[in-house]
C-alpha atoms as a PDB file:
ATOM      1  CA  MET A   1      24.705   4.329  -7.275  1.00  0.00           C
ATOM      2  CA  SER A   2      25.357   5.531 -10.823  1.00  0.00           C
ATOM      3  CA  THR A   3      22.731   7.346 -12.875  1.00  0.00           C
ATOM      4  CA  VAL A   4      22.769   8.932 -16.320  1.00  0.00           C
ATOM      5  CA  ILE A   5      22.016  12.532 -17.223  1.00  0.00           C
ATOM      6  CA  TYR A   6      21.943  12.819 -20.988  1.00  0.00           C
ATOM      7  CA  PRO A   7      23.384  15.628 -23.109  1.00  0.00           C
ATOM      8  CA  SER A   8      20.846  18.015 -24.600  1.00  0.00           C
ATOM      9  CA  PRO A   9      19.351  18.403 -27.110  1.00  0.00           C
ATOM     10  CA  ILE A  10      21.012  15.534 -29.040  1.00  0.00           C
ATOM     11  CA  PHE A  11      22.722  12.418 -27.698  1.00  0.00           C
ATOM     12  CA  GLY A  12      24.009   9.237 -29.226  1.00  0.00           C
ATOM     13  CA  PRO A  13      23.477   7.455 -31.445  1.00  0.00           C
ATOM     14  CA  VAL A  14      23.030   4.546 -29.059  1.00  0.00           C
ATOM     15  CA  HIS A  15      21.923   0.970 -29.638  1.00  0.00           C
ATOM     16  CA  SER A  16      18.416   0.477 -28.279  1.00  0.00           C
ATOM     17  CA  ARG A  17      17.235  -3.005 -27.297  1.00  0.00           C
ATOM     18  CA  ARG A  18      13.871  -2.246 -28.845  1.00  0.00           C
ATOM     19  CA  LEU A  19      14.493   0.317 -31.571  1.00  0.00           C
ATOM     20  CA  GLY A  20      17.904  -0.323 -33.200  1.00  0.00           C
ATOM     21  CA  ILE A  21      20.409   2.504 -33.879  1.00  0.00           C
ATOM     22  CA  SER A  22      18.731   5.350 -32.075  1.00  0.00           C
ATOM     23  CA  LEU A  23      19.625   9.036 -32.217  1.00  0.00           C
ATOM     24  CA  GLY A  24      18.345  10.562 -29.005  1.00  0.00           C
ATOM     25  CA  ILE A  25      16.570  13.901 -28.738  1.00  0.00           C
ATOM     26  CA  ASN A  26      16.452  15.278 -25.191  1.00  0.00           C
ATOM     27  CA  LEU A  27      14.061  18.195 -24.669  1.00  0.00           C
ATOM     28  CA  GLN A  28      15.082  18.704 -21.044  1.00  0.00           C
ATOM     29  CA  PRO A  29      18.061  20.645 -19.629  1.00  0.00           C
ATOM     30  CA  ALA A  30      21.502  19.114 -20.101  1.00  0.00           C
ATOM     31  CA  ASP A  31      22.353  19.328 -16.380  1.00  0.00           C
ATOM     32  CA  GLY A  32      19.279  17.853 -14.718  1.00  0.00           C
ATOM     33  CA  LYS A  33      15.985  16.013 -14.839  1.00  0.00           C
ATOM     34  CA  VAL A  34      12.472  17.388 -15.370  1.00  0.00           C
ATOM     35  CA  CYS A  35       9.759  14.740 -15.161  1.00  0.00           C
ATOM     36  CA  THR A  36       6.164  14.336 -14.040  1.00  0.00           C
ATOM     37  CA  PHE A  37       7.129  10.897 -12.699  1.00  0.00           C
ATOM     38  CA  ASP A  38       9.846  10.066 -10.181  1.00  0.00           C
ATOM     39  CA  CYS A  39      10.172   6.351 -10.923  1.00  0.00           C
ATOM     40  CA  ILE A  40      12.204   4.330  -8.465  1.00  0.00           C
ATOM     41  CA  TYR A  41      13.810   2.484 -11.402  1.00  0.00           C
ATOM     42  CA  CYS A  42      14.719   5.514 -13.529  1.00  0.00           C
ATOM     43  CA  GLU A  43      18.265   5.391 -14.908  1.00  0.00           C
ATOM     44  CA  CYS A  44      18.387   9.202 -14.615  1.00  0.00           C
ATOM     45  CA  GLY A  45      17.931   9.017 -10.836  1.00  0.00           C
ATOM     46  CA  PHE A  46      15.455  10.791  -8.588  1.00  0.00           C
ATOM     47  CA  ASN A  47      14.169  14.234  -9.489  1.00  0.00           C
ATOM     48  CA  HIS A  48      15.375  15.913  -6.287  1.00  0.00           C
ATOM     49  CA  ASN A  49      18.950  14.738  -6.878  1.00  0.00           C
ATOM     50  CA  HIS A  50      19.165  16.288 -10.351  1.00  0.00           C
ATOM     51  CA  ILE A  51      17.521  19.709 -10.199  1.00  0.00           C
ATOM     52  CA  PRO A  52      18.637  21.577 -13.336  1.00  0.00           C
ATOM     53  CA  THR A  53      20.075  25.079 -13.453  1.00  0.00           C
ATOM     54  CA  LEU A  54      20.030  25.344 -17.252  1.00  0.00           C
ATOM     55  CA  PRO A  55      16.897  26.012 -19.347  1.00  0.00           C
ATOM     56  CA  ARG A  56      15.313  23.579 -21.751  1.00  0.00           C
ATOM     57  CA  PRO A  57      16.657  23.816 -25.299  1.00  0.00           C
ATOM     58  CA  THR A  58      14.512  25.984 -27.551  1.00  0.00           C
ATOM     59  CA  ARG A  59      12.751  24.726 -30.658  1.00  0.00           C
ATOM     60  CA  THR A  60      15.369  26.500 -32.785  1.00  0.00           C
ATOM     61  CA  GLU A  61      18.253  24.958 -30.822  1.00  0.00           C
ATOM     62  CA  VAL A  62      16.786  21.466 -31.161  1.00  0.00           C
ATOM     63  CA  GLY A  63      16.243  21.844 -34.896  1.00  0.00           C
ATOM     64  CA  LEU A  64      19.734  23.172 -35.593  1.00  0.00           C
ATOM     65  CA  ALA A  65      21.437  20.539 -33.450  1.00  0.00           C
ATOM     66  CA  LEU A  66      19.451  17.724 -35.069  1.00  0.00           C
ATOM     67  CA  LYS A  67      20.232  19.041 -38.555  1.00  0.00           C
ATOM     68  CA  GLU A  68      23.969  19.204 -37.803  1.00  0.00           C
ATOM     69  CA  LYS A  69      24.025  15.693 -36.338  1.00  0.00           C
ATOM     70  CA  LEU A  70      22.129  14.161 -39.241  1.00  0.00           C
ATOM     71  CA  GLU A  71      24.450  15.860 -41.727  1.00  0.00           C
ATOM     72  CA  GLU A  72      27.446  14.463 -39.810  1.00  0.00           C
ATOM     73  CA  MET A  73      25.986  10.947 -39.730  1.00  0.00           C
ATOM     74  CA  LYS A  74      25.109  11.066 -43.416  1.00  0.00           C
ATOM     75  CA  THR A  75      28.686  12.074 -44.252  1.00  0.00           C
ATOM     76  CA  LYS A  76      29.945   9.059 -42.282  1.00  0.00           C
ATOM     77  CA  GLY A  77      27.458   6.767 -44.011  1.00  0.00           C
ATOM     78  CA  ILE A  78      25.820   5.742 -40.734  1.00  0.00           C
ATOM     79  CA  LEU A  79      22.167   6.726 -40.585  1.00  0.00           C
ATOM     80  CA  PRO A  80      19.893   6.113 -37.608  1.00  0.00           C
ATOM     81  CA  ASP A  81      17.085   3.579 -37.596  1.00  0.00           C
ATOM     82  CA  VAL A  82      15.090   5.863 -35.363  1.00  0.00           C
ATOM     83  CA  LEU A  83      15.001   9.392 -33.965  1.00  0.00           C
ATOM     84  CA  THR A  84      13.962   8.920 -30.366  1.00  0.00           C
ATOM     85  CA  PHE A  85      12.556  11.606 -28.108  1.00  0.00           C
ATOM     86  CA  ALA A  86      13.672  10.551 -24.635  1.00  0.00           C
ATOM     87  CA  GLY A  87      16.354  11.738 -22.191  1.00  0.00           C
ATOM     88  CA  ASN A  88      16.172  13.470 -18.816  1.00  0.00           C
ATOM     89  CA  GLY A  89      12.432  13.477 -18.275  1.00  0.00           C
ATOM     90  CA  GLU A  90       9.097  13.733 -20.039  1.00  0.00           C
ATOM     91  CA  PRO A  91       9.517  15.032 -23.626  1.00  0.00           C
ATOM     92  CA  THR A  92       5.879  16.034 -24.131  1.00  0.00           C
ATOM     93  CA  SER A  93       6.180  18.581 -21.301  1.00  0.00           C
ATOM     94  CA  HIS A  94       8.232  20.880 -23.528  1.00  0.00           C
ATOM     95  CA  PRO A  95       6.088  23.948 -24.398  1.00  0.00           C
ATOM     96  CA  ASP A  96       7.076  23.674 -28.088  1.00  0.00           C
ATOM     97  CA  PHE A  97       6.772  19.900 -28.324  1.00  0.00           C
ATOM     98  CA  ALA A  98       4.339  19.957 -31.257  1.00  0.00           C
ATOM     99  CA  GLY A  99       6.534  22.297 -33.308  1.00  0.00           C
ATOM    100  CA  ILE A 100       9.660  20.319 -32.516  1.00  0.00           C
ATOM    101  CA  ILE A 101       7.949  17.159 -33.767  1.00  0.00           C
ATOM    102  CA  GLU A 102       7.110  18.924 -37.043  1.00  0.00           C
ATOM    103  CA  ASP A 103      10.758  19.964 -37.434  1.00  0.00           C
ATOM    104  CA  ALA A 104      12.038  16.463 -36.656  1.00  0.00           C
ATOM    105  CA  ILE A 105       9.737  14.872 -39.224  1.00  0.00           C
ATOM    106  CA  TRP A 106      10.857  17.386 -41.873  1.00  0.00           C
ATOM    107  CA  LEU A 107      14.540  16.723 -41.112  1.00  0.00           C
ATOM    108  CA  ARG A 108      13.959  12.961 -41.080  1.00  0.00           C
ATOM    109  CA  ASN A 109      12.327  13.158 -44.493  1.00  0.00           C
ATOM    110  CA  ARG A 110      15.279  15.140 -45.844  1.00  0.00           C
ATOM    111  CA  TYR A 111      18.233  13.227 -44.385  1.00  0.00           C
ATOM    112  CA  CYS A 112      17.106   9.722 -43.431  1.00  0.00           C
ATOM    113  CA  PRO A 113      13.641   8.980 -44.828  1.00  0.00           C
ATOM    114  CA  GLU A 114      13.821   5.318 -43.803  1.00  0.00           C
ATOM    115  CA  ALA A 115      14.188   6.219 -40.115  1.00  0.00           C
ATOM    116  CA  LYS A 116      11.250   6.189 -37.727  1.00  0.00           C
ATOM    117  CA  VAL A 117      10.377   8.999 -35.346  1.00  0.00           C
ATOM    118  CA  SER A 118       9.665   7.658 -31.854  1.00  0.00           C
ATOM    119  CA  VAL A 119       8.519   9.298 -28.654  1.00  0.00           C
ATOM    120  CA  LEU A 120       8.936   7.634 -25.270  1.00  0.00           C
ATOM    121  CA  SER A 121       6.330   9.181 -22.996  1.00  0.00           C
ATOM    122  CA  ASN A 122       4.853   8.512 -19.575  1.00  0.00           C
ATOM    123  CA  SER A 123       1.446   9.549 -20.977  1.00  0.00           C
ATOM    124  CA  THR A 124       0.832  12.394 -18.512  1.00  0.00           C
ATOM    125  CA  PHE A 125       0.245  15.043 -21.199  1.00  0.00           C
ATOM    126  CA  ILE A 126      -1.772  13.060 -23.733  1.00  0.00           C
ATOM    127  CA  HIS A 127      -4.909  14.929 -22.649  1.00  0.00           C
ATOM    128  CA  ARG A 128      -3.497  18.074 -24.297  1.00  0.00           C
ATOM    129  CA  GLU A 129      -4.831  18.412 -27.830  1.00  0.00           C
ATOM    130  CA  GLU A 130      -1.567  19.720 -29.297  1.00  0.00           C
ATOM    131  CA  VAL A 131       0.394  16.852 -27.737  1.00  0.00           C
ATOM    132  CA  ARG A 132      -2.092  14.238 -28.914  1.00  0.00           C
ATOM    133  CA  ASN A 133      -2.078  15.653 -32.448  1.00  0.00           C
ATOM    134  CA  ALA A 134       1.723  15.662 -32.524  1.00  0.00           C
ATOM    135  CA  LEU A 135       1.902  12.075 -31.297  1.00  0.00           C
ATOM    136  CA  MET A 136      -0.490  11.031 -34.053  1.00  0.00           C
ATOM    137  CA  LYS A 137       2.139  12.201 -36.578  1.00  0.00           C
ATOM    138  CA  VAL A 138       5.067  10.144 -35.267  1.00  0.00           C
ATOM    139  CA  ASP A 139       5.791   6.564 -36.328  1.00  0.00           C
ATOM    140  CA  ASN A 140       6.164   5.112 -32.843  1.00  0.00           C
ATOM    141  CA  ASN A 141       3.968   6.707 -30.197  1.00  0.00           C
ATOM    142  CA  ILE A 142       5.299   4.734 -27.216  1.00  0.00           C
ATOM    143  CA  LEU A 143       3.268   5.295 -24.062  1.00  0.00           C
ATOM    144  CA  LYS A 144       4.021   3.945 -20.611  1.00  0.00           C
ATOM    145  CA  LEU A 145       1.533   1.855 -18.635  1.00  0.00           C
ATOM    146  CA  ASP A 146       3.428  -0.088 -15.960  1.00  0.00           C
ATOM    147  CA  THR A 147       0.278  -1.242 -14.196  1.00  0.00           C
ATOM    148  CA  VAL A 148      -3.348  -0.259 -13.658  1.00  0.00           C
ATOM    149  CA  ASP A 149      -3.083  -0.517  -9.861  1.00  0.00           C
ATOM    150  CA  PRO A 150      -3.160   3.002  -8.297  1.00  0.00           C
ATOM    151  CA  ALA A 151      -1.268   1.926  -5.167  1.00  0.00           C
ATOM    152  CA  TYR A 152       1.531   0.407  -7.241  1.00  0.00           C
ATOM    153  CA  ILE A 153       1.748   3.532  -9.410  1.00  0.00           C
ATOM    154  CA  LYS A 154       2.009   5.696  -6.295  1.00  0.00           C
ATOM    155  CA  LYS A 155       4.920   3.732  -4.817  1.00  0.00           C
ATOM    156  CA  VAL A 156       6.814   2.929  -8.035  1.00  0.00           C
ATOM    157  CA  ASP A 157       6.095   5.569 -10.705  1.00  0.00           C
ATOM    158  CA  LYS A 158       5.485   8.280  -8.086  1.00  0.00           C
ATOM    159  CA  PRO A 159       3.593  10.849 -10.170  1.00  0.00           C
ATOM    160  CA  ALA A 160       4.527  14.411  -9.237  1.00  0.00           C
ATOM    161  CA  GLY A 161       0.925  15.634  -9.351  1.00  0.00           C
ATOM    162  CA  HIS A 162      -2.594  14.308  -9.810  1.00  0.00           C
ATOM    163  CA  TYR A 163      -2.598  11.080 -11.802  1.00  0.00           C
ATOM    164  CA  ASP A 164      -5.731   9.098 -12.611  1.00  0.00           C
ATOM    165  CA  VAL A 165      -4.840   5.872 -14.383  1.00  0.00           C
ATOM    166  CA  ASN A 166      -8.391   5.483 -15.708  1.00  0.00           C
ATOM    167  CA  SER A 167      -8.164   8.893 -17.393  1.00  0.00           C
ATOM    168  CA  ILE A 168      -4.802   7.868 -18.875  1.00  0.00           C
ATOM    169  CA  ILE A 169      -6.373   4.688 -20.255  1.00  0.00           C
ATOM    170  CA  GLU A 170      -9.198   6.699 -21.835  1.00  0.00           C
ATOM    171  CA  GLY A 171      -6.597   9.013 -23.359  1.00  0.00           C
ATOM    172  CA  MET A 172      -4.797   6.001 -24.814  1.00  0.00           C
ATOM    173  CA  LYS A 173      -8.027   4.721 -26.339  1.00  0.00           C
ATOM    174  CA  ALA A 174      -8.417   8.067 -28.125  1.00  0.00           C
ATOM    175  CA  PHE A 175      -5.379   7.220 -30.284  1.00  0.00           C
ATOM    176  CA  GLU A 176      -7.508   4.477 -31.878  1.00  0.00           C
ATOM    177  CA  GLY A 177      -4.624   2.033 -32.133  1.00  0.00           C
ATOM    178  CA  HIS A 178      -1.883   4.490 -33.080  1.00  0.00           C
ATOM    179  CA  LEU A 179       0.237   3.732 -30.034  1.00  0.00           C
ATOM    180  CA  ILE A 180       2.624   1.210 -28.558  1.00  0.00           C
ATOM    181  CA  ILE A 181       2.218   0.394 -24.889  1.00  0.00           C
ATOM    182  CA  GLN A 182       5.477   0.044 -22.992  1.00  0.00           C
ATOM    183  CA  THR A 183       5.461  -1.732 -19.627  1.00  0.00           C
ATOM    184  CA  LEU A 184       8.334  -2.409 -17.261  1.00  0.00           C
ATOM    185  CA  PHE A 185       8.194  -5.549 -15.141  1.00  0.00           C
ATOM    186  CA  MET A 186      10.529  -6.034 -12.202  1.00  0.00           C
ATOM    187  CA  LYS A 187      10.891  -7.521  -8.751  1.00  0.00           C
ATOM    188  CA  GLY A 188      12.563  -6.621  -5.476  1.00  0.00           C
ATOM    189  CA  THR A 189      11.681  -3.942  -2.932  1.00  0.00           C
ATOM    190  CA  SER A 190      11.517  -0.173  -2.705  1.00  0.00           C
ATOM    191  CA  ASP A 191      13.785   1.829  -0.391  1.00  0.00           C
ATOM    192  CA  GLU A 192      10.953   1.624   2.142  1.00  0.00           C
ATOM    193  CA  GLY A 193      11.037  -2.174   1.948  1.00  0.00           C
ATOM    194  CA  GLU A 194       7.764  -2.546   0.027  1.00  0.00           C
ATOM    195  CA  ASN A 195       7.416  -5.378  -2.471  1.00  0.00           C
ATOM    196  CA  VAL A 196       7.374  -4.055  -6.064  1.00  0.00           C
ATOM    197  CA  ASP A 197       7.032  -7.342  -7.960  1.00  0.00           C
ATOM    198  CA  ASN A 198       4.466  -6.777 -10.725  1.00  0.00           C
ATOM    199  CA  THR A 199       5.116 -10.014 -12.641  1.00  0.00           C
ATOM    200  CA  ALA A 200       2.376 -12.082 -10.966  1.00  0.00           C
ATOM    201  CA  ASP A 201      -1.204 -12.408 -12.194  1.00  0.00           C
ATOM    202  CA  GLU A 202      -2.394 -10.053  -9.451  1.00  0.00           C
ATOM    203  CA  TYR A 203      -0.952  -7.236 -11.579  1.00  0.00           C
ATOM    204  CA  VAL A 204      -0.662  -8.821 -15.017  1.00  0.00           C
ATOM    205  CA  LEU A 205      -4.277  -9.883 -15.528  1.00  0.00           C
ATOM    206  CA  PRO A 206      -5.938  -6.497 -14.773  1.00  0.00           C
ATOM    207  CA  TRP A 207      -3.252  -4.786 -16.873  1.00  0.00           C
ATOM    208  CA  LEU A 208      -3.898  -7.181 -19.760  1.00  0.00           C
ATOM    209  CA  GLU A 209      -7.634  -6.489 -19.683  1.00  0.00           C
ATOM    210  CA  LYS A 210      -6.993  -2.763 -20.038  1.00  0.00           C
ATOM    211  CA  VAL A 211      -4.438  -3.370 -22.787  1.00  0.00           C
ATOM    212  CA  LYS A 212      -7.091  -5.272 -24.710  1.00  0.00           C
ATOM    213  CA  GLU A 213      -9.520  -2.362 -24.264  1.00  0.00           C
ATOM    214  CA  ILE A 214      -6.914   0.131 -25.517  1.00  0.00           C
ATOM    215  CA  ALA A 215      -6.113  -2.122 -28.519  1.00  0.00           C
ATOM    216  CA  PRO A 216      -2.619  -0.762 -29.285  1.00  0.00           C
ATOM    217  CA  ALA A 217      -0.664  -1.617 -32.411  1.00  0.00           C
ATOM    218  CA  GLU A 218       1.941  -3.329 -30.236  1.00  0.00           C
ATOM    219  CA  VAL A 219       3.070  -3.915 -26.671  1.00  0.00           C
ATOM    220  CA  MET A 220       6.676  -3.775 -25.468  1.00  0.00           C
ATOM    221  CA  VAL A 221       7.438  -5.509 -22.192  1.00  0.00           C
ATOM    222  CA  TYR A 222      10.874  -5.054 -20.711  1.00  0.00           C
ATOM    223  CA  THR A 223      12.818  -5.022 -17.464  1.00  0.00           C
ATOM    224  CA  ILE A 224      15.606  -3.100 -15.789  1.00  0.00           C
ATOM    225  CA  ASP A 225      18.661  -2.770 -18.015  1.00  0.00           C
ATOM    226  CA  ARG A 226      20.851  -0.130 -16.353  1.00  0.00           C
ATOM    227  CA  GLU A 227      21.679   0.808 -12.781  1.00  0.00           C
ATOM    228  CA  THR A 228      18.763   2.299 -10.854  1.00  0.00           C
ATOM    229  CA  PRO A 229      18.630   4.738  -7.913  1.00  0.00           C
ATOM    230  CA  THR A 230      16.991   1.957  -5.859  1.00  0.00           C
ATOM    231  CA  PRO A 231      19.608  -0.783  -5.358  1.00  0.00           C
ATOM    232  CA  SER A 232      17.135  -3.373  -4.050  1.00  0.00           C
ATOM    233  CA  LEU A 233      15.325  -3.706  -7.390  1.00  0.00           C
ATOM    234  CA  GLN A 234      15.720  -6.881  -9.434  1.00  0.00           C
ATOM    235  CA  LYS A 235      15.231  -7.780 -13.091  1.00  0.00           C
ATOM    236  CA  ALA A 236      12.260  -9.841 -14.164  1.00  0.00           C
ATOM    237  CA  THR A 237      13.496 -13.124 -15.608  1.00  0.00           C
ATOM    238  CA  PRO A 238      13.285 -13.980 -19.324  1.00  0.00           C
ATOM    239  CA  GLU A 239      10.793 -16.705 -18.422  1.00  0.00           C
ATOM    240  CA  GLU A 240       8.546 -14.207 -16.616  1.00  0.00           C
ATOM    241  CA  LEU A 241       8.676 -11.738 -19.491  1.00  0.00           C
ATOM    242  CA  ASP A 242       8.014 -14.461 -22.057  1.00  0.00           C
ATOM    243  CA  ARG A 243       4.987 -15.629 -20.087  1.00  0.00           C
ATOM    244  CA  ILE A 244       3.527 -12.111 -20.148  1.00  0.00           C
ATOM    245  CA  LYS A 245       4.471 -11.617 -23.793  1.00  0.00           C
ATOM    246  CA  ASN A 246       2.707 -14.831 -24.772  1.00  0.00           C
ATOM    247  CA  MET A 247      -0.426 -13.761 -22.897  1.00  0.00           C
ATOM    248  CA  VAL A 248      -0.517 -10.517 -24.889  1.00  0.00           C
ATOM    249  CA  ILE A 249       0.036 -12.361 -28.176  1.00  0.00           C
ATOM    250  CA  ALA A 250      -2.731 -14.810 -27.256  1.00  0.00           C
ATOM    251  CA  ALA A 251      -5.018 -11.798 -26.918  1.00  0.00           C
ATOM    252  CA  GLY A 252      -4.289 -10.928 -30.538  1.00  0.00           C
ATOM    253  CA  ILE A 253      -1.838  -8.055 -29.945  1.00  0.00           C
ATOM    254  CA  PRO A 254       1.774  -8.137 -31.208  1.00  0.00           C
ATOM    255  CA  CYS A 255       4.247  -8.084 -28.343  1.00  0.00           C
ATOM    256  CA  THR A 256       8.018  -8.039 -27.888  1.00  0.00           C
ATOM    257  CA  ALA A 257      10.076  -8.687 -24.769  1.00  0.00           C
ATOM    258  CA  SER A 258      13.447  -7.124 -23.933  1.00  0.00           C
ATOM    259  CA  TYR A 259      15.490  -8.868 -21.299  1.00  0.00           C
END
């Protein structure tokens, strides 16, 4: 099993299937993972296997590192398409998340005004006013909703604390369309031998109904791309993803699929 722990606070640029040339911003420690989910498909591995000893980078450290990297990229004539908050865990859990977003937008405007600012979030902190306000300022507010089935969430996403999917959905509605829903579809079994296939209508149709209620600007459906800590997982097929994508588009919502 091979998993990835990203440098902090800046990594890349990398080529994202969904976002283009992406400069990563990791608000978690460089030597471990801090996340409110413990997804069985996470490329960073399980939380208990990557307990950090280093602190999170400070707001000042993030700003300085991002400034230096953007200056370097501008000198080389290679600017990012997107500044992406991702990495070793949930970015919105950082205590200075809102201020860091302000800094990133200011630096983007100065060095690469054509680039988008994106946040990949599992949605667990969108109930916090300062987080919600910060996410309203970014170009791509990408929020995870793998399913609306509580039992599936418990065995696949494995929230670390209390997680009420209906409250998450209400929080998503509060963005009034300023969000992109990101959903991972896969097949196979968990380490406990439980079926984790969420590509069938049993999961897709209830999910689609909630997506329509949320009315996002876009939906991104995707599948496993890198090695996971659970070796028995399998990719959803292009045909399965296209079927789901076409159902979303038929509902009047733009949708992309990454295979």
